[in-house]
N, C-alpha and C. Protein backbone atom coordinates (compact mmCIF):
# COMPACT_ATOMS: atom_id res chain seq x y z
N MET A 1 -121.07 -49.72 58.19
CA MET A 1 -120.26 -49.36 57.04
C MET A 1 -119.06 -48.50 57.48
N PHE A 2 -119.31 -47.44 58.26
CA PHE A 2 -118.23 -46.55 58.68
C PHE A 2 -117.16 -47.31 59.45
N LYS A 3 -117.58 -48.09 60.44
CA LYS A 3 -116.58 -48.76 61.27
C LYS A 3 -115.72 -49.72 60.47
N GLU A 4 -116.31 -50.41 59.50
CA GLU A 4 -115.55 -51.34 58.66
C GLU A 4 -114.54 -50.60 57.78
N LYS A 5 -114.99 -49.51 57.17
CA LYS A 5 -114.08 -48.75 56.30
C LYS A 5 -112.98 -48.10 57.12
N LEU A 6 -113.33 -47.61 58.29
CA LEU A 6 -112.34 -46.98 59.15
C LEU A 6 -111.23 -47.96 59.51
N ARG A 7 -111.62 -49.13 59.97
CA ARG A 7 -110.62 -50.13 60.35
C ARG A 7 -109.80 -50.59 59.14
N ALA A 8 -110.47 -50.82 58.02
CA ALA A 8 -109.77 -51.28 56.81
C ALA A 8 -108.74 -50.27 56.34
N GLU A 9 -109.12 -49.01 56.32
CA GLU A 9 -108.19 -47.97 55.86
C GLU A 9 -107.03 -47.79 56.84
N ARG A 10 -107.32 -47.86 58.13
CA ARG A 10 -106.25 -47.72 59.13
C ARG A 10 -105.26 -48.87 59.02
N THR A 11 -105.77 -50.09 58.90
CA THR A 11 -104.87 -51.25 58.82
C THR A 11 -104.12 -51.26 57.49
N LYS A 12 -104.76 -50.76 56.44
CA LYS A 12 -104.08 -50.66 55.15
C LYS A 12 -102.84 -49.77 55.25
N LYS A 13 -102.93 -48.75 56.10
CA LYS A 13 -101.80 -47.83 56.31
C LYS A 13 -100.84 -48.34 57.38
N ASN A 14 -101.17 -49.51 57.97
CA ASN A 14 -100.33 -50.14 58.99
C ASN A 14 -100.10 -49.22 60.19
N ILE A 15 -101.19 -48.62 60.68
CA ILE A 15 -101.12 -47.72 61.83
C ILE A 15 -101.92 -48.37 62.97
N SER A 16 -101.34 -48.39 64.15
CA SER A 16 -102.05 -48.94 65.32
C SER A 16 -103.16 -47.98 65.73
N GLN A 17 -104.11 -48.50 66.50
CA GLN A 17 -105.17 -47.65 67.01
C GLN A 17 -104.62 -46.51 67.84
N SER A 18 -103.67 -46.81 68.69
CA SER A 18 -103.13 -45.76 69.57
C SER A 18 -102.37 -44.69 68.77
N ALA A 19 -101.62 -45.10 67.77
CA ALA A 19 -100.89 -44.13 66.94
C ALA A 19 -101.86 -43.28 66.14
N PHE A 20 -102.91 -43.91 65.64
CA PHE A 20 -103.90 -43.16 64.86
C PHE A 20 -104.64 -42.18 65.76
N ALA A 21 -105.02 -42.63 66.95
CA ALA A 21 -105.70 -41.75 67.91
C ALA A 21 -104.84 -40.55 68.24
N ALA A 22 -103.54 -40.76 68.40
CA ALA A 22 -102.63 -39.66 68.70
C ALA A 22 -102.63 -38.62 67.59
N LYS A 23 -102.70 -39.07 66.34
CA LYS A 23 -102.76 -38.14 65.21
C LYS A 23 -104.03 -37.29 65.25
N LEU A 24 -105.08 -37.85 65.84
CA LEU A 24 -106.36 -37.16 65.92
C LEU A 24 -106.52 -36.36 67.23
N PHE A 25 -105.54 -36.49 68.12
CA PHE A 25 -105.57 -35.83 69.44
C PHE A 25 -106.76 -36.31 70.27
N ILE A 26 -107.01 -37.63 70.21
CA ILE A 26 -108.04 -38.25 71.04
C ILE A 26 -107.43 -39.47 71.70
N SER A 27 -108.13 -40.03 72.68
CA SER A 27 -107.61 -41.21 73.35
C SER A 27 -107.80 -42.46 72.48
N GLN A 28 -106.99 -43.48 72.76
CA GLN A 28 -107.13 -44.74 72.04
C GLN A 28 -108.50 -45.35 72.33
N GLN A 29 -108.98 -45.19 73.56
CA GLN A 29 -110.28 -45.74 73.93
C GLN A 29 -111.41 -45.09 73.13
N ALA A 30 -111.33 -43.78 72.95
CA ALA A 30 -112.35 -43.08 72.15
C ALA A 30 -112.30 -43.57 70.71
N TYR A 31 -111.10 -43.72 70.17
CA TYR A 31 -110.97 -44.19 68.80
C TYR A 31 -111.51 -45.62 68.66
N ALA A 32 -111.19 -46.47 69.61
CA ALA A 32 -111.65 -47.87 69.55
C ALA A 32 -113.17 -47.94 69.48
N LYS A 33 -113.84 -47.03 70.16
CA LYS A 33 -115.31 -47.01 70.12
C LYS A 33 -115.83 -46.71 68.71
N TYR A 34 -115.09 -45.93 67.93
CA TYR A 34 -115.49 -45.67 66.54
C TYR A 34 -115.44 -46.97 65.74
N GLU A 35 -114.35 -47.72 65.91
CA GLU A 35 -114.20 -48.97 65.15
C GLU A 35 -115.17 -50.05 65.62
N LEU A 36 -115.60 -49.97 66.86
CA LEU A 36 -116.58 -50.92 67.37
C LEU A 36 -118.02 -50.51 67.04
N GLY A 37 -118.19 -49.29 66.56
CA GLY A 37 -119.52 -48.79 66.23
C GLY A 37 -120.31 -48.36 67.45
N LYS A 38 -119.63 -48.15 68.57
CA LYS A 38 -120.31 -47.73 69.80
C LYS A 38 -120.59 -46.24 69.82
N THR A 39 -119.73 -45.45 69.19
CA THR A 39 -119.92 -44.01 69.06
C THR A 39 -119.48 -43.57 67.67
N SER A 40 -119.83 -42.35 67.34
CA SER A 40 -119.41 -41.77 66.05
C SER A 40 -118.64 -40.49 66.32
N PRO A 41 -117.66 -40.20 65.49
CA PRO A 41 -116.89 -38.97 65.70
C PRO A 41 -117.73 -37.74 65.36
N ASN A 42 -117.40 -36.64 66.01
CA ASN A 42 -118.06 -35.39 65.64
C ASN A 42 -117.53 -34.95 64.27
N PRO A 43 -118.17 -34.00 63.62
CA PRO A 43 -117.75 -33.60 62.26
C PRO A 43 -116.28 -33.18 62.15
N GLU A 44 -115.78 -32.51 63.16
CA GLU A 44 -114.38 -32.06 63.12
C GLU A 44 -113.42 -33.25 63.12
N VAL A 45 -113.67 -34.22 64.00
CA VAL A 45 -112.81 -35.41 64.07
C VAL A 45 -112.99 -36.26 62.82
N LEU A 46 -114.20 -36.35 62.32
CA LEU A 46 -114.45 -37.10 61.09
C LEU A 46 -113.64 -36.53 59.93
N ALA A 47 -113.60 -35.22 59.83
CA ALA A 47 -112.80 -34.57 58.78
C ALA A 47 -111.31 -34.87 58.96
N LYS A 48 -110.82 -34.85 60.21
CA LYS A 48 -109.41 -35.19 60.47
C LYS A 48 -109.11 -36.63 60.08
N ILE A 49 -110.03 -37.53 60.40
CA ILE A 49 -109.84 -38.95 60.06
C ILE A 49 -109.68 -39.08 58.55
N ALA A 50 -110.57 -38.45 57.80
CA ALA A 50 -110.51 -38.53 56.34
C ALA A 50 -109.19 -37.95 55.82
N ASP A 51 -108.76 -36.84 56.39
CA ASP A 51 -107.50 -36.23 55.96
C ASP A 51 -106.31 -37.14 56.22
N VAL A 52 -106.24 -37.70 57.41
CA VAL A 52 -105.12 -38.57 57.77
C VAL A 52 -105.10 -39.82 56.88
N LEU A 53 -106.27 -40.36 56.58
CA LEU A 53 -106.34 -41.57 55.76
C LEU A 53 -106.23 -41.28 54.26
N GLY A 54 -106.40 -40.02 53.88
CA GLY A 54 -106.33 -39.67 52.46
C GLY A 54 -107.55 -40.12 51.68
N VAL A 55 -108.70 -40.13 52.35
CA VAL A 55 -109.96 -40.49 51.69
C VAL A 55 -110.97 -39.39 51.98
N SER A 56 -112.11 -39.45 51.32
CA SER A 56 -113.14 -38.45 51.56
C SER A 56 -114.04 -38.90 52.71
N VAL A 57 -114.70 -37.94 53.32
CA VAL A 57 -115.69 -38.25 54.35
C VAL A 57 -116.81 -39.07 53.72
N ASP A 58 -117.21 -38.72 52.51
CA ASP A 58 -118.26 -39.48 51.82
C ASP A 58 -117.87 -40.95 51.67
N TYR A 59 -116.62 -41.20 51.34
CA TYR A 59 -116.15 -42.58 51.22
C TYR A 59 -116.30 -43.31 52.55
N LEU A 60 -115.85 -42.67 53.63
CA LEU A 60 -115.93 -43.30 54.95
C LEU A 60 -117.37 -43.59 55.36
N LEU A 61 -118.28 -42.72 54.94
CA LEU A 61 -119.68 -42.88 55.30
C LEU A 61 -120.46 -43.74 54.31
N GLY A 62 -119.77 -44.24 53.29
CA GLY A 62 -120.42 -45.13 52.34
C GLY A 62 -121.20 -44.42 51.27
N ARG A 63 -120.92 -43.15 51.05
CA ARG A 63 -121.65 -42.38 50.04
C ARG A 63 -120.98 -42.41 48.68
N GLU A 64 -119.78 -42.94 48.60
CA GLU A 64 -119.10 -43.13 47.32
C GLU A 64 -118.25 -44.38 47.44
N THR A 65 -117.86 -44.92 46.32
CA THR A 65 -117.18 -46.20 46.36
C THR A 65 -115.68 -46.12 46.19
N SER A 66 -115.14 -44.98 45.81
CA SER A 66 -113.70 -44.94 45.58
C SER A 66 -113.04 -43.87 46.43
N GLU A 67 -111.77 -44.05 46.62
CA GLU A 67 -110.97 -43.08 47.35
C GLU A 67 -110.75 -41.85 46.49
N LEU A 68 -110.32 -40.77 47.14
CA LEU A 68 -109.95 -39.59 46.39
C LEU A 68 -108.73 -39.88 45.54
N SER A 69 -108.72 -39.30 44.36
CA SER A 69 -107.53 -39.44 43.54
C SER A 69 -106.43 -38.55 44.11
N LYS A 70 -105.21 -38.80 43.71
CA LYS A 70 -104.09 -38.00 44.19
C LYS A 70 -104.31 -36.53 43.83
N LYS A 71 -104.82 -36.28 42.64
CA LYS A 71 -105.06 -34.90 42.21
C LYS A 71 -106.12 -34.23 43.08
N GLU A 72 -107.18 -34.96 43.41
CA GLU A 72 -108.23 -34.40 44.27
C GLU A 72 -107.69 -34.06 45.65
N ARG A 73 -106.83 -34.94 46.20
CA ARG A 73 -106.23 -34.66 47.51
C ARG A 73 -105.36 -33.41 47.46
N GLU A 74 -104.62 -33.23 46.38
CA GLU A 74 -103.76 -32.07 46.24
C GLU A 74 -104.60 -30.80 46.16
N LEU A 75 -105.72 -30.86 45.45
CA LEU A 75 -106.60 -29.70 45.35
C LEU A 75 -107.19 -29.31 46.70
N ILE A 76 -107.55 -30.31 47.49
CA ILE A 76 -108.13 -30.05 48.81
C ILE A 76 -107.10 -29.40 49.72
N LYS A 77 -105.85 -29.84 49.64
CA LYS A 77 -104.81 -29.30 50.52
C LYS A 77 -104.40 -27.89 50.12
N ALA A 78 -104.64 -27.51 48.87
CA ALA A 78 -104.22 -26.19 48.38
C ALA A 78 -105.01 -25.07 48.98
């Protein structure tokens, strides 16, 4: 579930794996392993992924079905 949502959200934003990895301060190879389901990000990186994609960690992990609303994202950033 995580790897599918991760890839879908990244491609929806039209960001390459290497560009996305750079935003997370990790290597492209490390990021690719997340999308392949070979490894999982630690909690800190998982939180960064959710922030960059504008979704919740729960959404990425399959615990909810919808993205954060714009208002919810604004509240989190405040």
